[in-house]
C-alpha atoms as a PDB file:
ATOM      1  CA  MET A   1      67.839  38.742  -2.477  1.00  0.00           C
ATOM      2  CA  ALA A   2      66.820  35.567  -4.341  1.00  0.00           C
ATOM      3  CA  LEU A   3      67.768  37.080  -7.704  1.00  0.00           C
ATOM      4  CA  SER A   4      71.145  38.318  -6.397  1.00  0.00           C
ATOM      5  CA  ARG A   5      71.961  34.828  -5.077  1.00  0.00           C
ATOM      6  CA  VAL A   6      71.076  33.236  -8.403  1.00  0.00           C
ATOM      7  CA  ARG A   7      73.382  35.643 -10.255  1.00  0.00           C
ATOM      8  CA  ARG A   8      76.212  34.969  -7.763  1.00  0.00           C
ATOM      9  CA  PHE A   9      76.338  31.226  -8.576  1.00  0.00           C
ATOM     10  CA  GLN A  10      75.780  31.432 -12.342  1.00  0.00           C
ATOM     11  CA  PRO A  11      78.275  32.372 -15.041  1.00  0.00           C
ATOM     12  CA  HIS A  12      78.213  35.808 -16.601  1.00  0.00           C
ATOM     13  CA  GLY A  13      75.573  36.234 -19.272  1.00  0.00           C
ATOM     14  CA  GLU A  14      73.211  33.513 -18.056  1.00  0.00           C
ATOM     15  CA  GLY A  15      71.474  35.439 -15.297  1.00  0.00           C
ATOM     16  CA  THR A  16      69.132  37.180 -17.708  1.00  0.00           C
ATOM     17  CA  ARG A  17      67.687  33.837 -18.727  1.00  0.00           C
ATOM     18  CA  LEU A  18      66.460  33.174 -15.172  1.00  0.00           C
ATOM     19  CA  LEU A  19      64.604  36.430 -14.777  1.00  0.00           C
ATOM     20  CA  PRO A  20      61.572  35.262 -16.762  1.00  0.00           C
ATOM     21  CA  GLN A  21      61.553  31.960 -14.830  1.00  0.00           C
ATOM     22  CA  ALA A  22      61.664  33.769 -11.534  1.00  0.00           C
ATOM     23  CA  SER A  23      58.882  36.058 -12.593  1.00  0.00           C
ATOM     24  CA  ARG A  24      56.771  33.073 -13.504  1.00  0.00           C
ATOM     25  CA  LEU A  25      57.354  31.553 -10.076  1.00  0.00           C
ATOM     26  CA  VAL A  26      56.136  34.746  -8.496  1.00  0.00           C
ATOM     27  CA  GLU A  27      52.962  34.698 -10.575  1.00  0.00           C
ATOM     28  CA  LEU A  28      51.800  31.240  -9.392  1.00  0.00           C
ATOM     29  CA  PRO A  29      49.947  32.435  -6.272  1.00  0.00           C
ATOM     30  CA  TYR A  30      47.907  34.858  -8.355  1.00  0.00           C
ATOM     31  CA  SER A  31      46.704  32.011 -10.634  1.00  0.00           C
ATOM     32  CA  SER A  32      45.398  30.067  -7.596  1.00  0.00           C
ATOM     33  CA  PHE A  33      43.367  33.085  -6.498  1.00  0.00           C
ATOM     34  CA  ASP A  34      41.866  33.183  -9.965  1.00  0.00           C
ATOM     35  CA  ASP A  35      40.764  29.534  -9.580  1.00  0.00           C
ATOM     36  CA  ASP A  36      39.108  30.332  -6.253  1.00  0.00           C
ATOM     37  CA  ASP A  37      37.239  33.164  -7.905  1.00  0.00           C
ATOM     38  CA  ASP A  38      36.037  30.740 -10.592  1.00  0.00           C
ATOM     39  CA  ASP A  39      34.813  28.302  -7.917  1.00  0.00           C
ATOM     40  CA  ASP A  40      32.918  31.076  -6.151  1.00  0.00           C
ATOM     41  CA  THR A  41      31.277  32.040  -9.421  1.00  0.00           C
ATOM     42  CA  ALA A  42      30.317  28.413 -10.056  1.00  0.00           C
ATOM     43  CA  GLU A  43      28.782  28.139  -6.595  1.00  0.00           C
ATOM     44  CA  GLN A  44      26.739  31.258  -7.274  1.00  0.00           C
ATOM     45  CA  ASP A  45      25.528  29.808 -10.573  1.00  0.00           C
ATOM     46  CA  THR A  46      24.354  26.531  -8.982  1.00  0.00           C
ATOM     47  CA  PRO A  47      20.616  26.068  -9.731  1.00  0.00           C
ATOM     48  CA  LYS A  48      18.534  26.380  -6.571  1.00  0.00           C
ATOM     49  CA  PRO A  49      15.002  25.004  -6.095  1.00  0.00           C
ATOM     50  CA  SER A  50      12.221  27.548  -6.125  1.00  0.00           C
ATOM     51  CA  PRO A  51       9.846  28.064  -3.166  1.00  0.00           C
ATOM     52  CA  PHE A  52       7.209  26.143  -5.110  1.00  0.00           C
ATOM     53  CA  SER A  53       9.604  23.201  -5.386  1.00  0.00           C
ATOM     54  CA  HIS A  54      10.206  23.240  -1.636  1.00  0.00           C
ATOM     55  CA  CYS A  55       6.452  23.298  -1.091  1.00  0.00           C
ATOM     56  CA  VAL A  56       5.944  20.316  -3.399  1.00  0.00           C
ATOM     57  CA  ARG A  57       8.741  18.416  -1.691  1.00  0.00           C
ATOM     58  CA  TYR A  58       7.325  18.824   1.821  1.00  0.00           C
ATOM     59  CA  LEU A  59       3.800  18.204   0.580  1.00  0.00           C
ATOM     60  CA  ALA A  60       4.985  14.930  -0.965  1.00  0.00           C
ATOM     61  CA  PHE A  61       6.534  13.997   2.384  1.00  0.00           C
ATOM     62  CA  LEU A  62       3.303  14.694   4.304  1.00  0.00           C
ATOM     63  CA  TRP A  63       1.237  12.946   1.628  1.00  0.00           C
ATOM     64  CA  ASN A  64       3.250   9.754   1.940  1.00  0.00           C
ATOM     65  CA  LEU A  65       3.371  10.064   5.717  1.00  0.00           C
ATOM     66  CA  LEU A  66      -0.431   9.951   5.819  1.00  0.00           C
ATOM     67  CA  PHE A  67      -0.541   6.782   3.730  1.00  0.00           C
ATOM     68  CA  LEU A  68       2.295   5.327   5.809  1.00  0.00           C
ATOM     69  CA  LEU A  69       0.184   5.725   8.948  1.00  0.00           C
ATOM     70  CA  LEU A  70      -2.839   4.174   7.216  1.00  0.00           C
ATOM     71  CA  GLY A  71      -0.705   1.272   6.034  1.00  0.00           C
ATOM     72  CA  LEU A  72       0.694   0.684   9.513  1.00  0.00           C
ATOM     73  CA  LEU A  73      -2.845   0.780  10.941  1.00  0.00           C
ATOM     74  CA  THR A  74      -3.999  -1.824   8.408  1.00  0.00           C
ATOM     75  CA  LEU A  75      -0.946  -3.957   9.181  1.00  0.00           C
ATOM     76  CA  ALA A  76      -1.643  -3.726  12.914  1.00  0.00           C
ATOM     77  CA  VAL A  77      -5.261  -4.809  12.395  1.00  0.00           C
ATOM     78  CA  GLY A  78      -4.139  -7.814  10.362  1.00  0.00           C
ATOM     79  CA  VAL A  79      -1.500  -8.872  12.876  1.00  0.00           C
ATOM     80  CA  TRP A  80      -3.973  -8.429  15.730  1.00  0.00           C
ATOM     81  CA  GLY A  81      -6.501 -10.580  13.869  1.00  0.00           C
ATOM     82  CA  LEU A  82      -3.954 -13.347  13.351  1.00  0.00           C
ATOM     83  CA  LEU A  83      -2.698 -13.311  16.932  1.00  0.00           C
ATOM     84  CA  SER A  84      -6.147 -13.087  18.519  1.00  0.00           C
ATOM     85  CA  LYS A  85      -7.170 -16.504  17.182  1.00  0.00           C
ATOM     86  CA  SER A  86      -6.307 -19.019  19.849  1.00  0.00           C
ATOM     87  CA  PRO A  87      -4.925 -22.372  18.670  1.00  0.00           C
ATOM     88  CA  LEU A  88      -6.824 -25.592  19.100  1.00  0.00           C
ATOM     89  CA  PRO A  89      -6.118 -27.857  22.120  1.00  0.00           C
ATOM     90  CA  GLY A  90      -3.918 -30.045  19.907  1.00  0.00           C
ATOM     91  CA  GLY A  91      -1.648 -27.049  19.239  1.00  0.00           C
ATOM     92  CA  GLU A  92      -2.850 -26.415  15.660  1.00  0.00           C
ATOM     93  CA  ARG A  93      -4.757 -23.462  14.326  1.00  0.00           C
ATOM     94  CA  GLY A  94      -8.364 -23.928  13.309  1.00  0.00           C
ATOM     95  CA  VAL A  95      -7.582 -22.272   9.955  1.00  0.00           C
ATOM     96  CA  SER A  96      -4.335 -22.472   8.039  1.00  0.00           C
ATOM     97  CA  LEU A  97      -2.387 -19.244   7.779  1.00  0.00           C
ATOM     98  CA  GLY A  98      -2.485 -19.270   3.971  1.00  0.00           C
ATOM     99  CA  SER A  99      -6.311 -19.214   3.879  1.00  0.00           C
ATOM    100  CA  ASP A 100      -6.851 -16.779   6.750  1.00  0.00           C
ATOM    101  CA  PRO A 101      -8.712 -13.640   5.546  1.00  0.00           C
ATOM    102  CA  MET A 102      -6.728 -11.476   7.969  1.00  0.00           C
ATOM    103  CA  LEU A 103      -3.641 -12.257   5.904  1.00  0.00           C
ATOM    104  CA  LEU A 104      -5.027  -9.879   3.263  1.00  0.00           C
ATOM    105  CA  PHE A 105      -4.877  -7.029   5.786  1.00  0.00           C
ATOM    106  CA  VAL A 106      -1.288  -7.941   6.643  1.00  0.00           C
ATOM    107  CA  LEU A 107      -0.174  -8.013   3.001  1.00  0.00           C
ATOM    108  CA  ALA A 108      -2.057  -4.818   2.082  1.00  0.00           C
ATOM    109  CA  GLY A 109      -0.719  -2.948   5.101  1.00  0.00           C
ATOM    110  CA  LEU A 110       2.825  -4.179   4.538  1.00  0.00           C
ATOM    111  CA  GLY A 111       2.791  -3.174   0.868  1.00  0.00           C
ATOM    112  CA  ALA A 112       1.250   0.255   1.481  1.00  0.00           C
ATOM    113  CA  SER A 113       3.567   1.080   4.382  1.00  0.00           C
ATOM    114  CA  THR A 114       6.681  -0.018   2.470  1.00  0.00           C
ATOM    115  CA  VAL A 115       5.876   2.064  -0.605  1.00  0.00           C
ATOM    116  CA  SER A 116       4.826   5.081   1.476  1.00  0.00           C
ATOM    117  CA  LEU A 117       7.999   4.850   3.578  1.00  0.00           C
ATOM    118  CA  ALA A 118      10.073   4.914   0.397  1.00  0.00           C
ATOM    119  CA  GLY A 119       8.189   8.021  -0.743  1.00  0.00           C
ATOM    120  CA  CYS A 120       8.696   9.741   2.629  1.00  0.00           C
ATOM    121  CA  LEU A 121      12.422   9.059   2.784  1.00  0.00           C
ATOM    122  CA  GLY A 122      12.877   9.838  -0.905  1.00  0.00           C
ATOM    123  CA  ALA A 123      11.294  13.278  -0.525  1.00  0.00           C
ATOM    124  CA  LEU A 124      12.976  14.020   2.796  1.00  0.00           C
ATOM    125  CA  ARG A 125      16.475  12.838   1.871  1.00  0.00           C
ATOM    126  CA  ALA A 126      16.329  13.851  -1.794  1.00  0.00           C
ATOM    127  CA  SER A 127      17.096  10.287  -2.854  1.00  0.00           C
ATOM    128  CA  PRO A 128      16.526   9.469  -6.549  1.00  0.00           C
ATOM    129  CA  CYS A 129      16.814   5.750  -5.772  1.00  0.00           C
ATOM    130  CA  LEU A 130      13.894   5.726  -3.320  1.00  0.00           C
ATOM    131  CA  LEU A 131      11.804   8.061  -5.458  1.00  0.00           C
ATOM    132  CA  ARG A 132      12.244   5.788  -8.492  1.00  0.00           C
ATOM    133  CA  PHE A 133      11.222   2.795  -6.374  1.00  0.00           C
ATOM    134  CA  PHE A 134       8.152   4.697  -5.172  1.00  0.00           C
ATOM    135  CA  LEU A 135       7.160   5.686  -8.702  1.00  0.00           C
ATOM    136  CA  GLY A 136       7.617   2.147  -9.987  1.00  0.00           C
ATOM    137  CA  ALA A 137       5.501   0.692  -7.176  1.00  0.00           C
ATOM    138  CA  VAL A 138       2.712   3.232  -7.692  1.00  0.00           C
ATOM    139  CA  LEU A 139       2.666   2.559 -11.432  1.00  0.00           C
ATOM    140  CA  ALA A 140       2.560  -1.188 -10.762  1.00  0.00           C
ATOM    141  CA  PHE A 141      -0.376  -0.804  -8.348  1.00  0.00           C
ATOM    142  CA  GLY A 142      -2.201   1.440 -10.798  1.00  0.00           C
ATOM    143  CA  GLY A 143      -1.688  -1.068 -13.597  1.00  0.00           C
ATOM    144  CA  LEU A 144      -3.023  -3.903 -11.438  1.00  0.00           C
ATOM    145  CA  GLU A 145      -6.090  -1.844 -10.536  1.00  0.00           C
ATOM    146  CA  LEU A 146      -6.828  -1.064 -14.174  1.00  0.00           C
ATOM    147  CA  LEU A 147      -6.324  -4.715 -15.085  1.00  0.00           C
ATOM    148  CA  GLY A 148      -8.715  -5.753 -12.320  1.00  0.00           C
ATOM    149  CA  GLY A 149     -11.331  -3.297 -13.589  1.00  0.00           C
ATOM    150  CA  LEU A 150     -11.067  -4.684 -17.103  1.00  0.00           C
ATOM    151  CA  LEU A 151     -11.395  -8.241 -15.817  1.00  0.00           C
ATOM    152  CA  LEU A 152     -14.527  -7.268 -13.908  1.00  0.00           C
ATOM    153  CA  LEU A 153     -16.062  -5.968 -17.119  1.00  0.00           C
ATOM    154  CA  LEU A 154     -14.986  -8.863 -19.336  1.00  0.00           C
ATOM    155  CA  LEU A 155     -15.492 -11.799 -16.956  1.00  0.00           C
ATOM    156  CA  ARG A 156     -18.654 -10.826 -15.129  1.00  0.00           C
ATOM    157  CA  ARG A 157     -20.354 -14.196 -15.563  1.00  0.00           C
ATOM    158  CA  ARG A 158     -17.337 -16.140 -14.361  1.00  0.00           C
ATOM    159  CA  LEU A 159     -16.978 -13.793 -11.439  1.00  0.00           C
ATOM    160  CA  ARG A 160     -20.592 -14.449 -10.467  1.00  0.00           C
ATOM    161  CA  ASP A 161     -19.867 -18.163 -10.499  1.00  0.00           C
ATOM    162  CA  ALA A 162     -16.720 -17.590  -8.429  1.00  0.00           C
ATOM    163  CA  LEU A 163     -18.743 -15.529  -5.931  1.00  0.00           C
ATOM    164  CA  ARG A 164     -21.290 -18.314  -5.715  1.00  0.00           C
ATOM    165  CA  ASP A 165     -18.576 -20.871  -4.979  1.00  0.00           C
ATOM    166  CA  LEU A 166     -17.086 -18.552  -2.363  1.00  0.00           C
ATOM    167  CA  LEU A 167     -20.422 -18.180  -0.589  1.00  0.00           C
ATOM    168  CA  LEU A 168     -20.907 -21.935  -0.636  1.00  0.00           C
ATOM    169  CA  LEU A 169     -17.449 -22.397   0.874  1.00  0.00           C
ATOM    170  CA  CYS A 170     -18.345 -19.929   3.609  1.00  0.00           C
ATOM    171  CA  LEU A 171     -21.431 -21.962   4.448  1.00  0.00           C
ATOM    172  CA  LEU A 172     -19.423 -25.159   4.690  1.00  0.00           C
ATOM    173  CA  ARG A 173     -16.733 -23.639   6.917  1.00  0.00           C
ATOM    174  CA  TYR A 174     -19.055 -21.524   9.015  1.00  0.00           C
ATOM    175  CA  GLN A 175     -17.986 -22.954  12.389  1.00  0.00           C
ATOM    176  CA  GLU A 176     -14.332 -23.429  11.476  1.00  0.00           C
ATOM    177  CA  ASP A 177     -13.300 -19.804  10.897  1.00  0.00           C
ATOM    178  CA  PRO A 178     -14.474 -16.954  13.159  1.00  0.00           C
ATOM    179  CA  ASP A 179     -13.834 -14.407  10.391  1.00  0.00           C
ATOM    180  CA  LEU A 180     -16.024 -16.273   7.898  1.00  0.00           C
ATOM    181  CA  GLN A 181     -18.669 -16.721  10.565  1.00  0.00           C
ATOM    182  CA  PHE A 182     -18.708 -12.995  11.256  1.00  0.00           C
ATOM    183  CA  LEU A 183     -18.838 -12.221   7.523  1.00  0.00           C
ATOM    184  CA  VAL A 184     -21.724 -14.620   6.851  1.00  0.00           C
ATOM    185  CA  ASP A 185     -23.713 -13.318   9.813  1.00  0.00           C
ATOM    186  CA  GLU A 186     -23.237  -9.710   8.701  1.00  0.00           C
ATOM    187  CA  VAL A 187     -24.333 -10.500   5.132  1.00  0.00           C
ATOM    188  CA  GLN A 188     -27.405 -12.451   6.236  1.00  0.00           C
ATOM    189  CA  GLN A 189     -28.480  -9.813   8.735  1.00  0.00           C
ATOM    190  CA  SER A 190     -27.844  -6.841   6.431  1.00  0.00           C
ATOM    191  CA  LEU A 191     -29.453  -8.339   3.334  1.00  0.00           C
ATOM    192  CA  GLN A 192     -32.129 -10.272   5.281  1.00  0.00           C
ATOM    193  CA  CYS A 193     -31.325 -13.541   3.573  1.00  0.00           C
ATOM    194  CA  CYS A 194     -30.363 -17.070   4.548  1.00  0.00           C
ATOM    195  CA  GLY A 195     -28.150 -19.535   2.713  1.00  0.00           C
ATOM    196  CA  LEU A 196     -26.997 -19.325  -0.872  1.00  0.00           C
ATOM    197  CA  GLU A 197     -30.231 -20.018  -2.777  1.00  0.00           C
ATOM    198  CA  SER A 198     -32.521 -20.556   0.208  1.00  0.00           C
ATOM    199  CA  TYR A 199     -32.362 -21.445   3.882  1.00  0.00           C
ATOM    200  CA  ARG A 200     -32.298 -25.154   2.891  1.00  0.00           C
ATOM    201  CA  ASP A 201     -28.659 -24.722   1.800  1.00  0.00           C
ATOM    202  CA  TRP A 202     -27.584 -24.999   5.436  1.00  0.00           C
ATOM    203  CA  GLU A 203     -28.282 -28.723   5.206  1.00  0.00           C
ATOM    204  CA  SER A 204     -24.928 -29.040   3.429  1.00  0.00           C
ATOM    205  CA  ASN A 205     -23.128 -27.819   6.554  1.00  0.00           C
ATOM    206  CA  PRO A 206     -21.930 -30.822   8.604  1.00  0.00           C
ATOM    207  CA  TYR A 207     -22.980 -29.162  11.872  1.00  0.00           C
ATOM    208  CA  PHE A 208     -26.483 -28.078  10.782  1.00  0.00           C
ATOM    209  CA  ASN A 209     -27.337 -31.242   8.857  1.00  0.00           C
ATOM    210  CA  CYS A 210     -30.256 -33.102  10.360  1.00  0.00           C
ATOM    211  CA  SER A 211     -28.147 -36.257  10.728  1.00  0.00           C
ATOM    212  CA  ALA A 212     -25.392 -34.457  12.654  1.00  0.00           C
ATOM    213  CA  PRO A 213     -25.073 -34.877  16.401  1.00  0.00           C
ATOM    214  CA  GLY A 214     -25.496 -31.916  18.726  1.00  0.00           C
ATOM    215  CA  VAL A 215     -28.052 -29.235  19.403  1.00  0.00           C
ATOM    216  CA  GLN A 216     -27.352 -27.417  16.099  1.00  0.00           C
ATOM    217  CA  ALA A 217     -28.595 -30.356  14.035  1.00  0.00           C
ATOM    218  CA  CYS A 218     -31.445 -29.462  11.662  1.00  0.00           C
ATOM    219  CA  GLY A 219     -30.993 -25.777  12.478  1.00  0.00           C
ATOM    220  CA  VAL A 220     -29.692 -22.553  10.908  1.00  0.00           C
ATOM    221  CA  PRO A 221     -27.567 -19.678  12.292  1.00  0.00           C
ATOM    222  CA  ALA A 222     -29.279 -17.054  14.395  1.00  0.00           C
ATOM    223  CA  SER A 223     -28.515 -14.462  11.713  1.00  0.00           C
ATOM    224  CA  CYS A 224     -31.197 -16.083   9.528  1.00  0.00           C
ATOM    225  CA  CYS A 225     -33.951 -15.281  12.033  1.00  0.00           C
ATOM    226  CA  GLN A 226     -36.328 -12.424  11.484  1.00  0.00           C
ATOM    227  CA  GLU A 227     -36.105 -11.604  15.211  1.00  0.00           C
ATOM    228  CA  PRO A 228     -32.551 -12.527  16.285  1.00  0.00           C
ATOM    229  CA  LEU A 229     -32.951 -10.598  19.562  1.00  0.00           C
ATOM    230  CA  GLN A 230     -35.010 -11.883  22.457  1.00  0.00           C
ATOM    231  CA  ASN A 231     -37.181  -9.177  24.008  1.00  0.00           C
ATOM    232  CA  GLY A 232     -35.582  -6.700  21.575  1.00  0.00           C
ATOM    233  CA  SER A 233     -32.206  -6.528  23.340  1.00  0.00           C
ATOM    234  CA  VAL A 234     -30.752  -9.936  24.231  1.00  0.00           C
ATOM    235  CA  PRO A 235     -29.281 -12.005  21.329  1.00  0.00           C
ATOM    236  CA  ASN A 236     -31.109 -15.302  20.924  1.00  0.00           C
ATOM    237  CA  ALA A 237     -28.581 -17.817  19.603  1.00  0.00           C
ATOM    238  CA  GLN A 238     -31.168 -20.614  19.604  1.00  0.00           C
ATOM    239  CA  CYS A 239     -33.816 -18.952  17.446  1.00  0.00           C
ATOM    240  CA  GLY A 240     -32.804 -21.035  14.420  1.00  0.00           C
ATOM    241  CA  PHE A 241     -32.665 -24.434  16.145  1.00  0.00           C
ATOM    242  CA  GLY A 242     -34.838 -27.026  14.385  1.00  0.00           C
ATOM    243  CA  ALA A 243     -35.797 -24.637  11.580  1.00  0.00           C
ATOM    244  CA  LEU A 244     -34.892 -27.115   8.820  1.00  0.00           C
ATOM    245  CA  ALA A 245     -37.462 -29.564  10.192  1.00  0.00           C
ATOM    246  CA  LEU A 246     -40.288 -27.026   9.832  1.00  0.00           C
ATOM    247  CA  GLY A 247     -42.544 -26.688   6.842  1.00  0.00           C
ATOM    248  CA  PRO A 248     -42.182 -23.814   4.343  1.00  0.00           C
ATOM    249  CA  ALA A 249     -44.943 -21.732   5.946  1.00  0.00           C
ATOM    250  CA  ALA A 250     -43.666 -22.136   9.496  1.00  0.00           C
ATOM    251  CA  ALA A 251     -40.085 -21.502   8.412  1.00  0.00           C
ATOM    252  CA  GLY A 252     -41.183 -18.383   6.509  1.00  0.00           C
ATOM    253  CA  ALA A 253     -42.727 -16.975   9.666  1.00  0.00           C
ATOM    254  CA  LEU A 254     -39.489 -17.531  11.600  1.00  0.00           C
ATOM    255  CA  LEU A 255     -36.657 -17.032   9.066  1.00  0.00           C
ATOM    256  CA  HIS A 256     -35.574 -14.997   6.059  1.00  0.00           C
ATOM    257  CA  THR A 257     -36.019 -17.793   3.550  1.00  0.00           C
ATOM    258  CA  GLY A 258     -34.570 -16.052   0.486  1.00  0.00           C
ATOM    259  CA  GLY A 259     -31.009 -16.828  -0.608  1.00  0.00           C
ATOM    260  CA  CYS A 260     -28.079 -14.438  -0.247  1.00  0.00           C
ATOM    261  CA  GLY A 261     -26.690 -15.057  -3.748  1.00  0.00           C
ATOM    262  CA  ALA A 262     -29.359 -13.046  -5.573  1.00  0.00           C
ATOM    263  CA  ALA A 263     -29.556 -10.452  -2.789  1.00  0.00           C
ATOM    264  CA  LEU A 264     -25.795  -9.890  -2.813  1.00  0.00           C
ATOM    265  CA  ALA A 265     -25.744  -9.593  -6.612  1.00  0.00           C
ATOM    266  CA  ALA A 266     -28.536  -7.006  -6.501  1.00  0.00           C
ATOM    267  CA  TRP A 267     -26.708  -5.064  -3.774  1.00  0.00           C
ATOM    268  CA  LEU A 268     -23.510  -5.022  -5.819  1.00  0.00           C
ATOM    269  CA  ARG A 269     -25.386  -3.723  -8.860  1.00  0.00           C
ATOM    270  CA  GLY A 270     -26.882  -0.971  -6.734  1.00  0.00           C
ATOM    271  CA  GLN A 271     -23.452  -0.026  -5.364  1.00  0.00           C
ATOM    272  CA  ALA A 272     -21.730  -0.056  -8.770  1.00  0.00           C
ATOM    273  CA  GLY A 273     -21.620   3.747  -8.923  1.00  0.00           C
ATOM    274  CA  ALA A 274     -20.119   4.064  -5.433  1.00  0.00           C
ATOM    275  CA  ILE A 275     -17.549   1.352  -6.187  1.00  0.00           C
ATOM    276  CA  ALA A 276     -16.532   3.069  -9.433  1.00  0.00           C
ATOM    277  CA  ALA A 277     -16.269   6.435  -7.653  1.00  0.00           C
ATOM    278  CA  GLY A 278     -14.109   4.925  -4.910  1.00  0.00           C
ATOM    279  CA  ALA A 279     -11.811   3.292  -7.463  1.00  0.00           C
ATOM    280  CA  THR A 280     -11.508   6.574  -9.355  1.00  0.00           C
ATOM    281  CA  VAL A 281     -10.619   8.489  -6.178  1.00  0.00           C
ATOM    282  CA  LEU A 282      -7.977   5.885  -5.331  1.00  0.00           C
ATOM    283  CA  VAL A 283      -6.402   6.164  -8.781  1.00  0.00           C
ATOM    284  CA  LEU A 284      -6.420   9.969  -8.555  1.00  0.00           C
ATOM    285  CA  LEU A 285      -4.729   9.871  -5.143  1.00  0.00           C
ATOM    286  CA  GLU A 286      -2.024   7.611  -6.523  1.00  0.00           C
ATOM    287  CA  ALA A 287      -1.616   9.877  -9.561  1.00  0.00           C
ATOM    288  CA  VAL A 288      -1.203  12.990  -7.380  1.00  0.00           C
ATOM    289  CA  GLY A 289       1.426  11.267  -5.262  1.00  0.00           C
ATOM    290  CA  ALA A 290       3.265  10.057  -8.363  1.00  0.00           C
ATOM    291  CA  LEU A 291       3.247  13.537  -9.948  1.00  0.00           C
ATOM    292  CA  MET A 292       4.665  15.144  -6.812  1.00  0.00           C
ATOM    293  CA  ALA A 293       7.382  12.505  -6.580  1.00  0.00           C
ATOM    294  CA  LEU A 294       8.171  12.969 -10.271  1.00  0.00           C
ATOM    295  CA  LYS A 295       8.509  16.736  -9.776  1.00  0.00           C
ATOM    296  CA  VAL A 296      10.908  16.293  -6.846  1.00  0.00           C
ATOM    297  CA  LEU A 297      12.895  13.648  -8.714  1.00  0.00           C
ATOM    298  CA  GLY A 298      13.275  15.844 -11.803  1.00  0.00           C
ATOM    299  CA  GLU A 299      14.741  18.734  -9.831  1.00  0.00           C
ATOM    300  CA  ILE A 300      17.110  16.492  -7.866  1.00  0.00           C
ATOM    301  CA  VAL A 301      18.434  14.906 -11.035  1.00  0.00           C
ATOM    302  CA  ALA A 302      18.840  18.318 -12.710  1.00  0.00           C
ATOM    303  CA  VAL A 303      20.931  19.650  -9.810  1.00  0.00           C
ATOM    304  CA  ARG A 304      23.143  16.572  -9.730  1.00  0.00           C
ATOM    305  CA  VAL A 305      23.708  16.630 -13.463  1.00  0.00           C
ATOM    306  CA  TRP A 306      24.771  20.269 -13.232  1.00  0.00           C
ATOM    307  CA  GLN A 307      27.157  19.505 -10.379  1.00  0.00           C
ATOM    308  CA  ARG A 308      28.807  16.668 -12.252  1.00  0.00           C
ATOM    309  CA  GLY A 309      29.191  18.790 -15.337  1.00  0.00           C
ATOM    310  CA  HIS A 310      30.830  21.721 -13.502  1.00  0.00           C
ATOM    311  CA  ARG A 311      32.919  19.764 -10.992  1.00  0.00           C
ATOM    312  CA  GLY A 312      34.296  17.045 -13.183  1.00  0.00           C
ATOM    313  CA  GLY A 313      31.919  14.291 -12.037  1.00  0.00           C
ATOM    314  CA  LEU A 314      32.283  15.042  -8.303  1.00  0.00           C
ATOM    315  CA  GLY A 315      28.582  15.527  -7.665  1.00  0.00           C
ATOM    316  CA  TRP A 316      26.455  13.518  -5.302  1.00  0.00           C
ATOM    317  CA  ALA A 317      26.861   9.784  -5.610  1.00  0.00           C
ATOM    318  CA  GLY A 318      23.118   9.184  -5.830  1.00  0.00           C
ATOM    319  CA  GLY A 319      22.732   6.686  -3.003  1.00  0.00           C
ATOM    320  CA  CYS A 320      19.329   5.575  -1.750  1.00  0.00           C
ATOM    321  CA  PHE A 321      19.608   7.697   1.401  1.00  0.00           C
ATOM    322  CA  GLY A 322      20.885  10.998   0.049  1.00  0.00           C
ATOM    323  CA  PRO A 323      24.311  12.384  -0.777  1.00  0.00           C
ATOM    324  CA  GLU A 324      27.358  10.347   0.039  1.00  0.00           C
END
C-alpha cells in the first residue's frame, strides 16, 4: 500500500527511483538487531575474575578486617587511658595531652584502623581509589619501619644516651604521671633494680629528696624493695621510707641497689633476637596484605580498561566507593 500511494502522487517515470529508498527503509530494523547481537557477544567476551581471584578478594577483606578490629581495640585502650585520668582540683590535667604516653595508643590505633578500613572497603566495593590509598599507606609504614631499623643500627650510642635521659625524666616525674609511675615500678620490679645508676638517683626527685617535706622524704619507691609485699601478700608501700638515710650495707639488705640503666641495656641485648623476629613478622604481614590488595587492584583495573575500550569510555567511573 505504501508503494502504491507513492506512485499515485509522483509523476510517471520517477516511481522506480523510490523503490531502492523504500527498500532501505525496510532494512533499518534488521540493522538494529545486528547491533544487539554485537552487544550480546561483547557481554559474553567480558573478562570475568577466576575463583582464585574471588578467594583472594575475600581473603583480603578478612585480613584487613582483623587488623581493623585490632586497631579499634588499641584506639579504645588509648581513649580509655586518657579519659580515666581525673583532672586536678584546679581543673587542669596533671600531664599535658601532648606528653601523655596514652596518646601513642590513640595515634597508633587511629592510623591502623583508618588504613585497614580503606583496605576492607576497597576489597569489598572493588574501589581502585581506596586500594591505592591502602597500598600507599602500607608502603609508607614499611619504609618508616626500615628507616627506624637502620637508625637503630647506625645511632646505637646516641640512642643509649636518649634512653638514659628518658629514664632520668621518668624518675623526676614519677609522682606526676600515673603511666610513668606504673612503667618505672614495672621496670624496677622486673629487672630488680633501683634508680638510673643506683638507688641514690632518687635524691634528684623533689618528693624523695631528703630536704623535701612529707613522709616520702629521704625514701625510694616500694618497687625498689627486695620484699615489696608484707607477709608475702599485702603490698607494703612504706618499705622504702628512709632508705636514702641508711648506709650502703643496710640499704643493700633492704633494696635492689643496682641501677636500671645497665640492667635495661642488658635486657634489650638479650631480647634483640625476639625484637628482630617480631619486626620481621610485622613486615611480612604488611607485605602479604599489600600483595593481596595489589592482586585485587590489578584485576579491577583490567576489567575497567576493557569496558572502556569496548563501550566507548562508558565503563565504571572509578569512584572511591565502587561503580558510579
